[in-house]
N, C-alpha and C. Protein backbone atom coordinates (compact mmCIF):
# COMPACT_ATOMS: atom_id res chain seq x y z
N MET A 1 -9.06 -20.64 5.31
CA MET A 1 -8.47 -19.50 5.96
C MET A 1 -9.59 -18.61 6.49
N SER A 2 -9.60 -18.39 7.78
CA SER A 2 -10.61 -17.56 8.41
C SER A 2 -10.17 -16.11 8.44
N GLN A 3 -11.09 -15.21 8.16
CA GLN A 3 -10.78 -13.79 8.17
C GLN A 3 -11.71 -13.08 9.13
N THR A 4 -11.16 -12.11 9.85
CA THR A 4 -11.96 -11.31 10.76
C THR A 4 -12.12 -9.93 10.15
N LYS A 5 -13.34 -9.45 10.10
CA LYS A 5 -13.61 -8.13 9.55
C LYS A 5 -13.25 -7.06 10.57
N VAL A 6 -12.43 -6.12 10.13
CA VAL A 6 -12.04 -5.01 11.00
C VAL A 6 -13.12 -3.95 10.92
N LYS A 7 -13.64 -3.56 12.07
CA LYS A 7 -14.70 -2.55 12.10
C LYS A 7 -14.17 -1.18 12.49
N LYS A 8 -13.08 -1.16 13.24
CA LYS A 8 -12.51 0.11 13.68
C LYS A 8 -11.02 -0.07 13.92
N LEU A 9 -10.25 0.92 13.49
CA LEU A 9 -8.80 0.87 13.70
C LEU A 9 -8.46 1.35 15.10
N THR A 10 -7.36 0.81 15.62
CA THR A 10 -6.87 1.30 16.90
C THR A 10 -6.19 2.65 16.66
N GLN A 11 -5.88 3.37 17.73
CA GLN A 11 -5.17 4.65 17.59
C GLN A 11 -3.80 4.44 16.97
N GLU A 12 -3.15 3.35 17.34
CA GLU A 12 -1.84 3.04 16.78
C GLU A 12 -1.95 2.78 15.27
N GLN A 13 -2.94 2.04 14.86
CA GLN A 13 -3.14 1.77 13.43
C GLN A 13 -3.44 3.05 12.67
N THR A 14 -4.28 3.90 13.24
CA THR A 14 -4.61 5.17 12.61
C THR A 14 -3.36 6.04 12.47
N ALA A 15 -2.53 6.04 13.49
CA ALA A 15 -1.29 6.84 13.46
C ALA A 15 -0.33 6.34 12.39
N LEU A 16 -0.40 5.06 12.03
CA LEU A 16 0.51 4.49 11.02
C LEU A 16 0.03 4.70 9.59
N ILE A 17 -1.19 5.18 9.40
CA ILE A 17 -1.70 5.37 8.04
C ILE A 17 -0.78 6.26 7.20
N PRO A 18 -0.33 7.42 7.68
CA PRO A 18 0.57 8.24 6.85
C PRO A 18 1.88 7.54 6.50
N VAL A 19 2.38 6.72 7.41
CA VAL A 19 3.63 5.99 7.16
C VAL A 19 3.44 5.01 6.00
N TYR A 20 2.38 4.23 6.05
CA TYR A 20 2.12 3.26 4.99
C TYR A 20 1.73 3.94 3.68
N ARG A 21 0.99 5.05 3.78
CA ARG A 21 0.62 5.78 2.57
C ARG A 21 1.88 6.26 1.84
N GLU A 22 2.83 6.80 2.58
CA GLU A 22 4.08 7.27 1.96
C GLU A 22 4.90 6.11 1.41
N LYS A 23 4.94 5.00 2.15
CA LYS A 23 5.68 3.83 1.68
C LYS A 23 5.15 3.38 0.32
N TRP A 24 3.82 3.21 0.20
CA TRP A 24 3.24 2.69 -1.03
C TRP A 24 3.21 3.73 -2.14
N ARG A 25 3.16 5.02 -1.78
CA ARG A 25 3.27 6.07 -2.78
C ARG A 25 4.64 6.03 -3.43
N ALA A 26 5.68 5.88 -2.60
CA ALA A 26 7.05 5.80 -3.13
C ALA A 26 7.22 4.58 -4.03
N ILE A 27 6.64 3.46 -3.63
CA ILE A 27 6.71 2.25 -4.45
C ILE A 27 6.00 2.46 -5.78
N ALA A 28 4.80 3.04 -5.73
CA ALA A 28 4.01 3.24 -6.94
C ALA A 28 4.68 4.19 -7.93
N LEU A 29 5.39 5.18 -7.42
CA LEU A 29 6.03 6.16 -8.29
C LEU A 29 7.48 5.82 -8.64
N SER A 30 7.96 4.70 -8.13
CA SER A 30 9.34 4.29 -8.38
C SER A 30 9.59 4.04 -9.86
N THR A 31 10.74 4.51 -10.32
CA THR A 31 11.14 4.25 -11.71
C THR A 31 12.36 3.35 -11.77
N GLY A 32 12.72 2.77 -10.64
CA GLY A 32 13.88 1.88 -10.59
C GLY A 32 13.56 0.53 -11.22
N PRO A 33 14.59 -0.27 -11.43
CA PRO A 33 14.39 -1.59 -12.04
C PRO A 33 13.61 -2.52 -11.10
N ILE A 34 12.86 -3.41 -11.70
CA ILE A 34 12.08 -4.37 -10.93
C ILE A 34 12.92 -5.62 -10.66
N ASN A 35 12.69 -6.23 -9.53
CA ASN A 35 13.32 -7.50 -9.21
C ASN A 35 12.40 -8.58 -9.81
N ARG A 36 12.74 -9.03 -11.00
CA ARG A 36 11.84 -9.93 -11.74
C ARG A 36 11.60 -11.25 -11.02
N SER A 37 12.64 -11.84 -10.45
CA SER A 37 12.43 -13.13 -9.79
C SER A 37 11.53 -12.97 -8.56
N GLN A 38 11.69 -11.87 -7.83
CA GLN A 38 10.82 -11.63 -6.68
C GLN A 38 9.38 -11.37 -7.14
N ALA A 39 9.21 -10.62 -8.21
CA ALA A 39 7.87 -10.35 -8.73
C ALA A 39 7.20 -11.64 -9.18
N GLU A 40 7.93 -12.48 -9.89
CA GLU A 40 7.37 -13.75 -10.37
C GLU A 40 6.97 -14.64 -9.20
N GLU A 41 7.81 -14.72 -8.18
CA GLU A 41 7.50 -15.55 -7.01
C GLU A 41 6.27 -15.02 -6.28
N THR A 42 6.17 -13.71 -6.17
CA THR A 42 5.02 -13.10 -5.50
C THR A 42 3.73 -13.38 -6.27
N ILE A 43 3.79 -13.29 -7.58
CA ILE A 43 2.61 -13.59 -8.41
C ILE A 43 2.20 -15.05 -8.25
N LYS A 44 3.18 -15.95 -8.27
CA LYS A 44 2.88 -17.38 -8.09
C LYS A 44 2.24 -17.64 -6.74
N LEU A 45 2.77 -17.00 -5.69
CA LEU A 45 2.20 -17.18 -4.35
C LEU A 45 0.78 -16.64 -4.27
N ALA A 46 0.53 -15.50 -4.90
CA ALA A 46 -0.81 -14.91 -4.88
C ALA A 46 -1.82 -15.83 -5.58
N TYR A 47 -1.45 -16.35 -6.73
CA TYR A 47 -2.36 -17.26 -7.45
C TYR A 47 -2.56 -18.55 -6.66
N SER A 48 -1.50 -19.05 -6.05
CA SER A 48 -1.61 -20.27 -5.26
C SER A 48 -2.56 -20.06 -4.08
N ALA A 49 -2.51 -18.87 -3.48
CA ALA A 49 -3.36 -18.57 -2.33
C ALA A 49 -4.84 -18.59 -2.68
N ILE A 50 -5.17 -18.32 -3.94
CA ILE A 50 -6.58 -18.34 -4.36
C ILE A 50 -6.92 -19.61 -5.15
N GLY A 51 -5.97 -20.56 -5.14
CA GLY A 51 -6.23 -21.85 -5.78
C GLY A 51 -6.24 -21.82 -7.29
N LYS A 52 -5.52 -20.90 -7.88
CA LYS A 52 -5.48 -20.77 -9.33
C LYS A 52 -4.07 -21.04 -9.85
N LYS A 53 -4.00 -21.44 -11.10
CA LYS A 53 -2.72 -21.65 -11.76
C LYS A 53 -2.15 -20.29 -12.15
N ALA A 54 -0.89 -20.08 -11.85
CA ALA A 54 -0.24 -18.81 -12.19
C ALA A 54 -0.12 -18.66 -13.70
N PRO A 55 -0.29 -17.44 -14.19
CA PRO A 55 -0.17 -17.23 -15.64
C PRO A 55 1.29 -17.27 -16.07
N GLU A 56 1.50 -17.45 -17.36
CA GLU A 56 2.85 -17.32 -17.90
C GLU A 56 3.21 -15.84 -17.83
N ILE A 57 4.40 -15.56 -17.36
CA ILE A 57 4.84 -14.17 -17.24
C ILE A 57 5.82 -13.87 -18.35
N ILE A 58 5.51 -12.86 -19.12
CA ILE A 58 6.37 -12.44 -20.22
C ILE A 58 6.84 -11.02 -19.93
N TRP A 59 8.14 -10.84 -19.85
CA TRP A 59 8.71 -9.53 -19.57
C TRP A 59 9.01 -8.82 -20.88
N GLN A 60 8.68 -7.56 -20.92
CA GLN A 60 8.90 -6.76 -22.12
C GLN A 60 9.68 -5.51 -21.74
N PHE A 61 10.77 -5.26 -22.42
CA PHE A 61 11.52 -4.03 -22.19
C PHE A 61 10.81 -2.90 -22.92
N VAL A 62 10.57 -1.85 -22.20
CA VAL A 62 9.96 -0.66 -22.80
C VAL A 62 10.94 0.49 -22.62
N GLY A 63 11.58 0.87 -23.71
CA GLY A 63 12.52 1.97 -23.64
C GLY A 63 11.82 3.29 -23.81
N PHE A 64 12.36 4.29 -23.20
CA PHE A 64 11.78 5.62 -23.31
C PHE A 64 12.75 6.50 -24.08
N LEU A 65 12.22 7.26 -25.00
CA LEU A 65 13.03 8.19 -25.78
C LEU A 65 12.95 9.57 -25.14
N HIS A 66 14.06 10.24 -25.15
CA HIS A 66 14.09 11.59 -24.61
C HIS A 66 14.33 12.55 -25.77
N PHE A 67 13.43 13.46 -25.94
CA PHE A 67 13.58 14.46 -26.97
C PHE A 67 14.00 15.77 -26.32
N GLY A 68 15.22 16.17 -26.57
CA GLY A 68 15.73 17.42 -26.00
C GLY A 68 15.22 18.61 -26.78
N SER A 69 15.31 19.77 -26.17
CA SER A 69 14.84 20.96 -26.87
C SER A 69 15.90 21.54 -27.75
């Protein structure tokens, strides 16, 4: 796979930075449920792309306790 190094963004790319920053900020701060099958498939594809065997994925429920005043 050949990659080209980007040396300078176009004006259009620069204008899209705030859009992508907000998109990924919302994703990072999301507290909604995860789509486990999509996450597992994405992990497998990422490992395959670098020629590595995907790890075993173990899901763990982490409950949060709320202490009222």
